[in-house]
């Protein structure tokens, strides 16, 4: 799946520059990386591999999720810090885990499978 450069910037904060794919002052060279950038856009699988981050992709639904790198996940595990997420309660109010940092939180999860 290819993503137009303007969509890459809107969704991930990377913009296509002559130096490569840049976010802030950090640039990843794109030259010499066959198939990464073409006229059709940026290859998400190649981009994820370049960043060392897992990619979940459903081309039919046109949905992609780029996860944190193994290094980032490892650092969080070492600090015993759970990743932030947001879920609704039974009344529909949204809550973020980060709102409860420093407090004890009981999470109950259920899956029907």
PDB file of N, CA and C in Angstrom:
ATOM      1  N   UNK A   1       0.850  -1.168   0.000  1.00  0.00           N
ATOM      2  CA  UNK A   1       0.000   0.000   0.000  1.00  0.00           C
ATOM      3  C   UNK A   1       0.901   1.238   0.000  1.00  0.00           C
ATOM      4  N   UNK A   2       0.583   2.160  -0.856  1.00  0.00           N
ATOM      5  CA  UNK A   2       1.339   3.407  -0.951  1.00  0.00           C
ATOM      6  C   UNK A   2       0.500   4.559  -0.409  1.00  0.00           C
ATOM      7  N   UNK A   3       1.166   5.465   0.245  1.00  0.00           N
ATOM      8  CA  UNK A   3       0.511   6.619   0.849  1.00  0.00           C
ATOM      9  C   UNK A   3       1.069   7.880   0.209  1.00  0.00           C
ATOM     10  N   UNK A   4       0.195   8.780  -0.273  1.00  0.00           N
ATOM     11  CA  UNK A   4       0.700  10.040  -0.843  1.00  0.00           C
ATOM     12  C   UNK A   4       1.503  10.805   0.209  1.00  0.00           C
ATOM     13  N   UNK A   5       2.569  11.506  -0.210  1.00  0.00           N
ATOM     14  CA  UNK A   5       3.412  12.225   0.756  1.00  0.00           C
ATOM     15  C   UNK A   5       2.634  13.144   1.695  1.00  0.00           C
ATOM     16  N   UNK A   6       1.599  13.831   1.195  1.00  0.00           N
ATOM     17  CA  UNK A   6       0.840  14.730   2.080  1.00  0.00           C
ATOM     18  C   UNK A   6       0.079  13.954   3.157  1.00  0.00           C
ATOM     19  N   UNK A   7      -0.352  12.739   2.844  1.00  0.00           N
ATOM     20  CA  UNK A   7      -1.031  11.904   3.835  1.00  0.00           C
ATOM     21  C   UNK A   7      -0.040  11.367   4.861  1.00  0.00           C
ATOM     22  N   UNK A   8       1.186  11.085   4.425  1.00  0.00           N
ATOM     23  CA  UNK A   8       2.218  10.615   5.339  1.00  0.00           C
ATOM     24  C   UNK A   8       2.509  11.695   6.378  1.00  0.00           C
ATOM     25  N   UNK A   9       2.554  12.934   5.933  1.00  0.00           N
ATOM     26  CA  UNK A   9       2.814  14.031   6.865  1.00  0.00           C
ATOM     27  C   UNK A   9       1.632  14.221   7.816  1.00  0.00           C
ATOM     28  N   UNK A  10       0.415  14.167   7.291  1.00  0.00           N
ATOM     29  CA  UNK A  10      -0.768  14.362   8.129  1.00  0.00           C
ATOM     30  C   UNK A  10      -0.922  13.256   9.163  1.00  0.00           C
ATOM     31  N   UNK A  11      -0.607  12.019   8.797  1.00  0.00           N
ATOM     32  CA  UNK A  11      -0.841  10.900   9.708  1.00  0.00           C
ATOM     33  C   UNK A  11       0.351  10.577  10.604  1.00  0.00           C
ATOM     34  N   UNK A  12       1.584  10.702  10.089  1.00  0.00           N
ATOM     35  CA  UNK A  12       2.757  10.303  10.860  1.00  0.00           C
ATOM     36  C   UNK A  12       3.741  11.439  11.138  1.00  0.00           C
ATOM     37  N   UNK A  13       3.510  12.594  10.529  1.00  0.00           N
ATOM     38  CA  UNK A  13       4.390  13.732  10.765  1.00  0.00           C
ATOM     39  C   UNK A  13       5.661  13.757   9.927  1.00  0.00           C
ATOM     40  N   UNK A  14       5.815  12.811   8.997  1.00  0.00           N
ATOM     41  CA  UNK A  14       6.986  12.796   8.112  1.00  0.00           C
ATOM     42  C   UNK A  14       6.634  13.512   6.824  1.00  0.00           C
ATOM     43  N   UNK A  15       7.546  14.329   6.344  1.00  0.00           N
ATOM     44  CA  UNK A  15       7.340  15.022   5.066  1.00  0.00           C
ATOM     45  C   UNK A  15       8.456  14.620   4.118  1.00  0.00           C
ATOM     46  N   UNK A  16       8.123  14.606   2.843  1.00  0.00           N
ATOM     47  CA  UNK A  16       9.099  14.243   1.819  1.00  0.00           C
ATOM     48  C   UNK A  16       9.889  15.482   1.440  1.00  0.00           C
ATOM     49  N   UNK A  17      11.201  15.439   1.684  1.00  0.00           N
ATOM     50  CA  UNK A  17      12.123  16.533   1.380  1.00  0.00           C
ATOM     51  C   UNK A  17      13.205  15.999   0.459  1.00  0.00           C
ATOM     52  N   UNK A  18      13.999  16.874  -0.165  1.00  0.00           N
ATOM     53  CA  UNK A  18      15.107  16.392  -0.994  1.00  0.00           C
ATOM     54  C   UNK A  18      16.088  15.509  -0.206  1.00  0.00           C
ATOM     55  N   UNK A  19      16.216  15.753   1.125  1.00  0.00           N
ATOM     56  CA  UNK A  19      17.119  14.951   1.949  1.00  0.00           C
ATOM     57  C   UNK A  19      16.550  13.566   2.252  1.00  0.00           C
ATOM     58  N   UNK A  20      15.256  13.404   2.120  1.00  0.00           N
ATOM     59  CA  UNK A  20      14.598  12.130   2.426  1.00  0.00           C
ATOM     60  C   UNK A  20      13.270  12.364   3.119  1.00  0.00           C
ATOM     61  N   UNK A  21      12.877  11.419   3.968  1.00  0.00           N
ATOM     62  CA  UNK A  21      11.644  11.537   4.745  1.00  0.00           C
ATOM     63  C   UNK A  21      12.013  12.150   6.090  1.00  0.00           C
ATOM     64  N   UNK A  22      11.456  13.334   6.376  1.00  0.00           N
ATOM     65  CA  UNK A  22      11.890  14.100   7.541  1.00  0.00           C
ATOM     66  C   UNK A  22      10.738  14.362   8.505  1.00  0.00           C
ATOM     67  N   UNK A  23      11.085  14.348   9.798  1.00  0.00           N
ATOM     68  CA  UNK A  23      10.154  14.770  10.858  1.00  0.00           C
ATOM     69  C   UNK A  23      10.972  15.618  11.809  1.00  0.00           C
ATOM     70  N   UNK A  24      10.619  16.892  11.883  1.00  0.00           N
ATOM     71  CA  UNK A  24      11.429  17.827  12.657  1.00  0.00           C
ATOM     72  C   UNK A  24      12.796  17.948  12.010  1.00  0.00           C
ATOM     73  N   UNK A  25      13.849  17.819  12.814  1.00  0.00           N
ATOM     74  CA  UNK A  25      15.209  17.932  12.279  1.00  0.00           C
ATOM     75  C   UNK A  25      15.807  16.576  11.903  1.00  0.00           C
ATOM     76  N   UNK A  26      15.038  15.510  12.053  1.00  0.00           N
ATOM     77  CA  UNK A  26      15.509  14.157  11.738  1.00  0.00           C
ATOM     78  C   UNK A  26      15.061  13.780  10.328  1.00  0.00           C
ATOM     79  N   UNK A  27      16.009  13.337   9.491  1.00  0.00           N
ATOM     80  CA  UNK A  27      15.693  12.909   8.124  1.00  0.00           C
ATOM     81  C   UNK A  27      16.222  11.503   7.879  1.00  0.00           C
ATOM     82  N   UNK A  28      15.396  10.689   7.227  1.00  0.00           N
ATOM     83  CA  UNK A  28      15.786   9.342   6.828  1.00  0.00           C
ATOM     84  C   UNK A  28      16.026   9.390   5.324  1.00  0.00           C
ATOM     85  N   UNK A  29      17.258   9.139   4.878  1.00  0.00           N
ATOM     86  CA  UNK A  29      17.533   9.194   3.443  1.00  0.00           C
ATOM     87  C   UNK A  29      16.644   8.218   2.670  1.00  0.00           C
ATOM     88  N   UNK A  30      16.071   8.690   1.570  1.00  0.00           N
ATOM     89  CA  UNK A  30      15.205   7.845   0.740  1.00  0.00           C
ATOM     90  C   UNK A  30      15.898   7.427  -0.548  1.00  0.00           C
ATOM     91  N   UNK A  31      16.962   8.132  -0.923  1.00  0.00           N
ATOM     92  CA  UNK A  31      17.689   7.773  -2.144  1.00  0.00           C
ATOM     93  C   UNK A  31      18.363   6.423  -1.965  1.00  0.00           C
ATOM     94  N   UNK A  32      18.374   5.647  -3.014  1.00  0.00           N
ATOM     95  CA  UNK A  32      19.033   4.352  -2.963  1.00  0.00           C
ATOM     96  C   UNK A  32      18.210   3.269  -2.293  1.00  0.00           C
ATOM     97  N   UNK A  33      17.021   3.600  -1.858  1.00  0.00           N
ATOM     98  CA  UNK A  33      16.128   2.620  -1.232  1.00  0.00           C
ATOM     99  C   UNK A  33      15.046   2.303  -2.257  1.00  0.00           C
ATOM    100  N   UNK A  34      15.329   1.309  -3.057  1.00  0.00           N
ATOM    101  CA  UNK A  34      14.454   0.947  -4.173  1.00  0.00           C
ATOM    102  C   UNK A  34      13.030   0.719  -3.710  1.00  0.00           C
ATOM    103  N   UNK A  35      12.108   1.412  -4.341  1.00  0.00           N
ATOM    104  CA  UNK A  35      10.694   1.203  -4.095  1.00  0.00           C
ATOM    105  C   UNK A  35      10.121   1.938  -2.906  1.00  0.00           C
ATOM    106  N   UNK A  36      10.965   2.586  -2.077  1.00  0.00           N
ATOM    107  CA  UNK A  36      10.438   3.285  -0.908  1.00  0.00           C
ATOM    108  C   UNK A  36       9.546   4.454  -1.319  1.00  0.00           C
ATOM    109  N   UNK A  37      10.055   5.304  -2.210  1.00  0.00           N
ATOM    110  CA  UNK A  37       9.295   6.461  -2.678  1.00  0.00           C
ATOM    111  C   UNK A  37       9.205   6.386  -4.190  1.00  0.00           C
ATOM    112  N   UNK A  38       7.986   6.521  -4.705  1.00  0.00           N
ATOM    113  CA  UNK A  38       7.775   6.553  -6.151  1.00  0.00           C
ATOM    114  C   UNK A  38       6.729   7.620  -6.453  1.00  0.00           C
ATOM    115  N   UNK A  39       6.362   7.730  -7.709  1.00  0.00           N
ATOM    116  CA  UNK A  39       5.346   8.707  -8.099  1.00  0.00           C
ATOM    117  C   UNK A  39       3.985   8.395  -7.472  1.00  0.00           C
ATOM    118  N   UNK A  40       3.765   7.125  -7.112  1.00  0.00           N
ATOM    119  CA  UNK A  40       2.498   6.725  -6.488  1.00  0.00           C
ATOM    120  C   UNK A  40       2.484   6.987  -4.985  1.00  0.00           C
ATOM    121  N   UNK A  41       3.622   7.334  -4.399  1.00  0.00           N
ATOM    122  CA  UNK A  41       3.674   7.631  -2.975  1.00  0.00           C
ATOM    123  C   UNK A  41       4.733   6.827  -2.246  1.00  0.00           C
ATOM    124  N   UNK A  42       4.603   6.772  -0.931  1.00  0.00           N
ATOM    125  CA  UNK A  42       5.559   6.090  -0.065  1.00  0.00           C
ATOM    126  C   UNK A  42       5.024   4.693   0.247  1.00  0.00           C
ATOM    127  N   UNK A  43       5.869   3.689   0.053  1.00  0.00           N
ATOM    128  CA  UNK A  43       5.501   2.300   0.353  1.00  0.00           C
ATOM    129  C   UNK A  43       5.520   2.135   1.874  1.00  0.00           C
ATOM    130  N   UNK A  44       4.344   1.912   2.475  1.00  0.00           N
ATOM    131  CA  UNK A  44       4.245   1.840   3.925  1.00  0.00           C
ATOM    132  C   UNK A  44       5.027   0.666   4.511  1.00  0.00           C
ATOM    133  N   UNK A  45       5.009  -0.480   3.856  1.00  0.00           N
ATOM    134  CA  UNK A  45       5.737  -1.649   4.367  1.00  0.00           C
ATOM    135  C   UNK A  45       7.241  -1.370   4.385  1.00  0.00           C
ATOM    136  N   UNK A  46       7.760  -0.784   3.315  1.00  0.00           N
ATOM    137  CA  UNK A  46       9.189  -0.459   3.251  1.00  0.00           C
ATOM    138  C   UNK A  46       9.546   0.616   4.279  1.00  0.00           C
ATOM    139  N   UNK A  47       8.649   1.582   4.473  1.00  0.00           N
ATOM    140  CA  UNK A  47       8.870   2.651   5.446  1.00  0.00           C
ATOM    141  C   UNK A  47       8.897   2.079   6.866  1.00  0.00           C
ATOM    142  N   UNK A  48       7.949   1.203   7.185  1.00  0.00           N
ATOM    143  CA  UNK A  48       7.914   0.578   8.511  1.00  0.00           C
ATOM    144  C   UNK A  48       9.172  -0.235   8.762  1.00  0.00           C
ATOM    145  N   UNK A  49       9.607  -0.972   7.751  1.00  0.00           N
ATOM    146  CA  UNK A  49      10.830  -1.782   7.884  1.00  0.00           C
ATOM    147  C   UNK A  49      12.042  -0.879   8.117  1.00  0.00           C
ATOM    148  N   UNK A  50      12.100   0.223   7.402  1.00  0.00           N
ATOM    149  CA  UNK A  50      13.201   1.176   7.557  1.00  0.00           C
ATOM    150  C   UNK A  50      13.243   1.732   8.979  1.00  0.00           C
ATOM    151  N   UNK A  51      12.083   1.984   9.563  1.00  0.00           N
ATOM    152  CA  UNK A  51      12.003   2.509  10.927  1.00  0.00           C
ATOM    153  C   UNK A  51      12.159   1.422  11.986  1.00  0.00           C
ATOM    154  N   UNK A  52      12.075   0.160  11.575  1.00  0.00           N
ATOM    155  CA  UNK A  52      12.148  -0.942  12.535  1.00  0.00           C
ATOM    156  C   UNK A  52      10.891  -1.047  13.374  1.00  0.00           C
ATOM    157  N   UNK A  53       9.749  -0.726  12.756  1.00  0.00           N
ATOM    158  CA  UNK A  53       8.477  -0.745  13.474  1.00  0.00           C
ATOM    159  C   UNK A  53       7.512  -1.703  12.796  1.00  0.00           C
ATOM    160  N   UNK A  54       6.758  -2.468  13.572  1.00  0.00           N
ATOM    161  CA  UNK A  54       5.764  -3.378  12.982  1.00  0.00           C
ATOM    162  C   UNK A  54       4.637  -2.598  12.302  1.00  0.00           C
ATOM    163  N   UNK A  55       4.106  -3.178  11.239  1.00  0.00           N
ATOM    164  CA  UNK A  55       3.015  -2.558  10.485  1.00  0.00           C
ATOM    165  C   UNK A  55       1.869  -3.551  10.367  1.00  0.00           C
ATOM    166  N   UNK A  56       0.682  -3.131  10.764  1.00  0.00           N
ATOM    167  CA  UNK A  56      -0.538  -3.910  10.534  1.00  0.00           C
ATOM    168  C   UNK A  56      -1.267  -3.216   9.399  1.00  0.00           C
ATOM    169  N   UNK A  57      -1.597  -3.974   8.367  1.00  0.00           N
ATOM    170  CA  UNK A  57      -2.123  -3.373   7.149  1.00  0.00           C
ATOM    171  C   UNK A  57      -3.304  -4.174   6.621  1.00  0.00           C
ATOM    172  N   UNK A  58      -4.388  -3.475   6.308  1.00  0.00           N
ATOM    173  CA  UNK A  58      -5.535  -4.083   5.631  1.00  0.00           C
ATOM    174  C   UNK A  58      -5.772  -3.252   4.372  1.00  0.00           C
ATOM    175  N   UNK A  59      -5.186  -3.701   3.263  1.00  0.00           N
ATOM    176  CA  UNK A  59      -5.247  -2.943   2.012  1.00  0.00           C
ATOM    177  C   UNK A  59      -6.677  -2.812   1.509  1.00  0.00           C
ATOM    178  N   UNK A  60      -7.485  -3.852   1.698  1.00  0.00           N
ATOM    179  CA  UNK A  60      -8.865  -3.814   1.223  1.00  0.00           C
ATOM    180  C   UNK A  60      -9.655  -2.705   1.928  1.00  0.00           C
ATOM    181  N   UNK A  61      -9.440  -2.566   3.224  1.00  0.00           N
ATOM    182  CA  UNK A  61     -10.133  -1.526   3.989  1.00  0.00           C
ATOM    183  C   UNK A  61      -9.380  -0.200   3.981  1.00  0.00           C
ATOM    184  N   UNK A  62      -8.168  -0.214   3.411  1.00  0.00           N
ATOM    185  CA  UNK A  62      -7.320   0.971   3.341  1.00  0.00           C
ATOM    186  C   UNK A  62      -7.017   1.540   4.737  1.00  0.00           C
ATOM    187  N   UNK A  63      -6.612   0.605   5.630  1.00  0.00           N
ATOM    188  CA  UNK A  63      -6.281   0.967   7.006  1.00  0.00           C
ATOM    189  C   UNK A  63      -4.893   0.427   7.325  1.00  0.00           C
ATOM    190  N   UNK A  64      -4.086   1.250   7.987  1.00  0.00           N
ATOM    191  CA  UNK A  64      -2.754   0.824   8.398  1.00  0.00           C
ATOM    192  C   UNK A  64      -2.479   1.352   9.798  1.00  0.00           C
ATOM    193  N   UNK A  65      -1.728   0.567  10.569  1.00  0.00           N
ATOM    194  CA  UNK A  65      -1.312   0.992  11.905  1.00  0.00           C
ATOM    195  C   UNK A  65       0.179   0.706  12.043  1.00  0.00           C
ATOM    196  N   UNK A  66       0.918   1.718  12.396  1.00  0.00           N
ATOM    197  CA  UNK A  66       2.362   1.610  12.583  1.00  0.00           C
ATOM    198  C   UNK A  66       2.615   1.589  14.088  1.00  0.00           C
ATOM    199  N   UNK A  67       3.181   0.495  14.593  1.00  0.00           N
ATOM    200  CA  UNK A  67       3.390   0.320  16.028  1.00  0.00           C
ATOM    201  C   UNK A  67       4.729   0.897  16.473  1.00  0.00           C
ATOM    202  N   UNK A  68       4.910   0.950  17.778  1.00  0.00           N
ATOM    203  CA  UNK A  68       6.179   1.399  18.346  1.00  0.00           C
ATOM    204  C   UNK A  68       7.266   0.372  18.030  1.00  0.00           C
ATOM    205  N   UNK A  69       8.489   0.838  17.973  1.00  0.00           N
ATOM    206  CA  UNK A  69       9.610  -0.061  17.683  1.00  0.00           C
ATOM    207  C   UNK A  69       9.857  -0.983  18.873  1.00  0.00           C
ATOM    208  N   UNK A  70      10.588  -2.059  18.631  1.00  0.00           N
ATOM    209  CA  UNK A  70      10.938  -2.994  19.689  1.00  0.00           C
ATOM    210  C   UNK A  70      11.736  -2.275  20.783  1.00  0.00           C
ATOM    211  N   UNK A  71      12.588  -1.346  20.385  1.00  0.00           N
ATOM    212  CA  UNK A  71      13.375  -0.590  21.362  1.00  0.00           C
ATOM    213  C   UNK A  71      12.472   0.248  22.265  1.00  0.00           C
ATOM    214  N   UNK A  72      11.484   0.936  21.681  1.00  0.00           N
ATOM    215  CA  UNK A  72      10.555   1.740  22.475  1.00  0.00           C
ATOM    216  C   UNK A  72       9.752   0.867  23.431  1.00  0.00           C
ATOM    217  N   UNK A  73       9.278  -0.280  22.935  1.00  0.00           N
ATOM    218  CA  UNK A  73       8.505  -1.195  23.790  1.00  0.00           C
ATOM    219  C   UNK A  73       9.378  -1.741  24.912  1.00  0.00           C
ATOM    220  N   UNK A  74      10.635  -2.053  24.601  1.00  0.00           N
ATOM    221  CA  UNK A  74      11.560  -2.567  25.598  1.00  0.00           C
ATOM    222  C   UNK A  74      11.816  -1.533  26.700  1.00  0.00           C
ATOM    223  N   UNK A  75      11.984  -0.275  26.308  1.00  0.00           N
ATOM    224  CA  UNK A  75      12.204   0.790  27.289  1.00  0.00           C
ATOM    225  C   UNK A  75      11.001   0.937  28.212  1.00  0.00           C
ATOM    226  N   UNK A  76       9.794   0.843  27.658  1.00  0.00           N
ATOM    227  CA  UNK A  76       8.579   0.935  28.479  1.00  0.00           C
ATOM    228  C   UNK A  76       8.483  -0.239  29.444  1.00  0.00           C
ATOM    229  N   UNK A  77       8.839  -1.423  28.968  1.00  0.00           N
ATOM    230  CA  UNK A  77       8.817  -2.600  29.843  1.00  0.00           C
ATOM    231  C   UNK A  77       9.829  -2.445  30.977  1.00  0.00           C
ATOM    232  N   UNK A  78      11.004  -1.933  30.668  1.00  0.00           N
ATOM    233  CA  UNK A  78      12.031  -1.741  31.687  1.00  0.00           C
ATOM    234  C   UNK A  78      11.570  -0.750  32.753  1.00  0.00           C
ATOM    235  N   UNK A  79      10.784   0.260  32.346  1.00  0.00           N
ATOM    236  CA  UNK A  79      10.255   1.254  33.287  1.00  0.00           C
ATOM    237  C   UNK A  79       8.941   0.801  33.913  1.00  0.00           C
ATOM    238  N   UNK A  80       8.452  -0.370  33.487  1.00  0.00           N
ATOM    239  CA  UNK A  80       7.153  -0.889  33.943  1.00  0.00           C
ATOM    240  C   UNK A  80       6.037   0.100  33.639  1.00  0.00           C
ATOM    241  N   UNK A  81       6.108   0.700  32.457  1.00  0.00           N
ATOM    242  CA  UNK A  81       5.132   1.702  32.040  1.00  0.00           C
ATOM    243  C   UNK A  81       4.258   1.137  30.927  1.00  0.00           C
ATOM    244  N   UNK A  82       2.967   1.081  31.163  1.00  0.00           N
ATOM    245  CA  UNK A  82       2.027   0.577  30.160  1.00  0.00           C
ATOM    246  C   UNK A  82       1.841   1.616  29.063  1.00  0.00           C
ATOM    247  N   UNK A  83       1.633   1.178  27.827  1.00  0.00           N
ATOM    248  CA  UNK A  83       1.376   2.151  26.756  1.00  0.00           C
ATOM    249  C   UNK A  83       0.042   2.847  26.993  1.00  0.00           C
ATOM    250  N   UNK A  84      -0.029   4.084  26.562  1.00  0.00           N
ATOM    251  CA  UNK A  84      -1.261   4.850  26.742  1.00  0.00           C
ATOM    252  C   UNK A  84      -2.314   4.398  25.737  1.00  0.00           C
ATOM    253  N   UNK A  85      -3.552   4.380  26.167  1.00  0.00           N
ATOM    254  CA  UNK A  85      -4.668   4.073  25.281  1.00  0.00           C
ATOM    255  C   UNK A  85      -5.915   4.745  25.836  1.00  0.00           C
ATOM    256  N   UNK A  86      -6.954   4.769  25.033  1.00  0.00           N
ATOM    257  CA  UNK A  86      -8.208   5.412  25.418  1.00  0.00           C
ATOM    258  C   UNK A  86      -9.361   4.458  25.157  1.00  0.00           C
ATOM    259  N   UNK A  87     -10.264   4.345  26.144  1.00  0.00           N
ATOM    260  CA  UNK A  87     -11.444   3.488  26.019  1.00  0.00           C
ATOM    261  C   UNK A  87     -12.637   4.173  26.671  1.00  0.00           C
ATOM    262  N   UNK A  88     -13.846   3.846  26.218  1.00  0.00           N
ATOM    263  CA  UNK A  88     -15.033   4.401  26.871  1.00  0.00           C
ATOM    264  C   UNK A  88     -15.431   3.548  28.077  1.00  0.00           C
ATOM    265  N   UNK A  89     -16.048   4.190  29.080  1.00  0.00           N
ATOM    266  CA  UNK A  89     -16.623   3.431  30.186  1.00  0.00           C
ATOM    267  C   UNK A  89     -18.050   3.032  29.811  1.00  0.00           C
ATOM    268  N   UNK A  90     -18.771   2.423  30.724  1.00  0.00           N
ATOM    269  CA  UNK A  90     -20.124   1.946  30.414  1.00  0.00           C
ATOM    270  C   UNK A  90     -21.092   3.079  30.073  1.00  0.00           C
ATOM    271  N   UNK A  91     -20.784   4.281  30.545  1.00  0.00           N
ATOM    272  CA  UNK A  91     -21.640   5.441  30.251  1.00  0.00           C
ATOM    273  C   UNK A  91     -21.215   6.152  28.962  1.00  0.00           C
ATOM    274  N   UNK A  92     -20.158   5.656  28.322  1.00  0.00           N
ATOM    275  CA  UNK A  92     -19.707   6.257  27.062  1.00  0.00           C
ATOM    276  C   UNK A  92     -18.660   7.345  27.221  1.00  0.00           C
ATOM    277  N   UNK A  93     -18.287   7.682  28.472  1.00  0.00           N
ATOM    278  CA  UNK A  93     -17.250   8.705  28.686  1.00  0.00           C
ATOM    279  C   UNK A  93     -15.890   8.109  28.344  1.00  0.00           C
ATOM    280  N   UNK A  94     -15.062   8.869  27.639  1.00  0.00           N
ATOM    281  CA  UNK A  94     -13.733   8.403  27.222  1.00  0.00           C
ATOM    282  C   UNK A  94     -12.724   8.626  28.357  1.00  0.00           C
ATOM    283  N   UNK A  95     -11.860   7.647  28.565  1.00  0.00           N
ATOM    284  CA  UNK A  95     -10.812   7.728  29.586  1.00  0.00           C
ATOM    285  C   UNK A  95      -9.497   7.285  28.965  1.00  0.00           C
ATOM    286  N   UNK A  96      -8.431   8.007  29.300  1.00  0.00           N
ATOM    287  CA  UNK A  96      -7.088   7.638  28.861  1.00  0.00           C
ATOM    288  C   UNK A  96      -6.339   7.066  30.056  1.00  0.00           C
ATOM    289  N   UNK A  97      -5.536   6.040  29.811  1.00  0.00           N
ATOM    290  CA  UNK A  97      -4.743   5.457  30.882  1.00  0.00           C
ATOM    291  C   UNK A  97      -3.813   6.506  31.481  1.00  0.00           C
ATOM    292  N   UNK A  98      -3.272   7.386  30.667  1.00  0.00           N
ATOM    293  CA  UNK A  98      -2.332   8.404  31.153  1.00  0.00           C
ATOM    294  C   UNK A  98      -2.977   9.351  32.169  1.00  0.00           C
ATOM    295  N   UNK A  99      -4.289   9.451  32.182  1.00  0.00           N
ATOM    296  CA  UNK A  99      -4.974  10.295  33.172  1.00  0.00           C
ATOM    297  C   UNK A  99      -4.844   9.719  34.578  1.00  0.00           C
ATOM    298  N   UNK A 100      -4.470   8.463  34.678  1.00  0.00           N
ATOM    299  CA  UNK A 100      -4.421   7.775  35.969  1.00  0.00           C
ATOM    300  C   UNK A 100      -3.005   7.393  36.379  1.00  0.00           C
ATOM    301  N   UNK A 101      -1.984   7.992  35.748  1.00  0.00           N
ATOM    302  CA  UNK A 101      -0.594   7.679  36.105  1.00  0.00           C
ATOM    303  C   UNK A 101      -0.374   7.953  37.589  1.00  0.00           C
ATOM    304  N   UNK A 102       0.322   7.045  38.233  1.00  0.00           N
ATOM    305  CA  UNK A 102       0.610   7.192  39.658  1.00  0.00           C
ATOM    306  C   UNK A 102      -0.473   6.631  40.556  1.00  0.00           C
ATOM    307  N   UNK A 103      -1.580   6.176  39.960  1.00  0.00           N
ATOM    308  CA  UNK A 103      -2.680   5.587  40.727  1.00  0.00           C
ATOM    309  C   UNK A 103      -2.766   4.107  40.391  1.00  0.00           C
ATOM    310  N   UNK A 104      -3.348   3.349  41.286  1.00  0.00           N
ATOM    311  CA  UNK A 104      -3.599   1.942  40.990  1.00  0.00           C
ATOM    312  C   UNK A 104      -4.849   1.857  40.125  1.00  0.00           C
ATOM    313  N   UNK A 105      -4.758   1.079  39.057  1.00  0.00           N
ATOM    314  CA  UNK A 105      -5.866   0.941  38.109  1.00  0.00           C
ATOM    315  C   UNK A 105      -6.112  -0.538  37.872  1.00  0.00           C
ATOM    316  N   UNK A 106      -7.351  -0.957  37.944  1.00  0.00           N
ATOM    317  CA  UNK A 106      -7.723  -2.331  37.638  1.00  0.00           C
ATOM    318  C   UNK A 106      -8.393  -2.342  36.277  1.00  0.00           C
ATOM    319  N   UNK A 107      -7.813  -3.076  35.348  1.00  0.00           N
ATOM    320  CA  UNK A 107      -8.380  -3.218  34.007  1.00  0.00           C
ATOM    321  C   UNK A 107      -8.936  -4.627  33.871  1.00  0.00           C
ATOM    322  N   UNK A 108     -10.158  -4.716  33.420  1.00  0.00           N
ATOM    323  CA  UNK A 108     -10.768  -6.016  33.164  1.00  0.00           C
ATOM    324  C   UNK A 108     -11.055  -6.087  31.684  1.00  0.00           C
ATOM    325  N   UNK A 109     -10.511  -7.114  31.052  1.00  0.00           N
ATOM    326  CA  UNK A 109     -10.699  -7.283  29.603  1.00  0.00           C
ATOM    327  C   UNK A 109     -11.455  -8.575  29.345  1.00  0.00           C
ATOM    328  N   UNK A 110     -12.265  -8.564  28.312  1.00  0.00           N
ATOM    329  CA  UNK A 110     -13.047  -9.747  27.941  1.00  0.00           C
ATOM    330  C   UNK A 110     -13.015  -9.872  26.428  1.00  0.00           C
ATOM    331  N   UNK A 111     -12.879 -11.066  25.966  1.00  0.00           N
ATOM    332  CA  UNK A 111     -12.956 -11.338  24.531  1.00  0.00           C
ATOM    333  C   UNK A 111     -13.846 -12.555  24.351  1.00  0.00           C
ATOM    334  N   UNK A 112     -14.656 -12.543  23.325  1.00  0.00           N
ATOM    335  CA  UNK A 112     -15.614 -13.629  23.113  1.00  0.00           C
ATOM    336  C   UNK A 112     -15.023 -14.810  22.372  1.00  0.00           C
ATOM    337  N   UNK A 113     -13.822 -14.674  21.850  1.00  0.00           N
ATOM    338  CA  UNK A 113     -13.276 -15.791  21.095  1.00  0.00           C
ATOM    339  C   UNK A 113     -12.613 -16.708  22.004  1.00  0.00           C
TER     340      UNK A 113
END
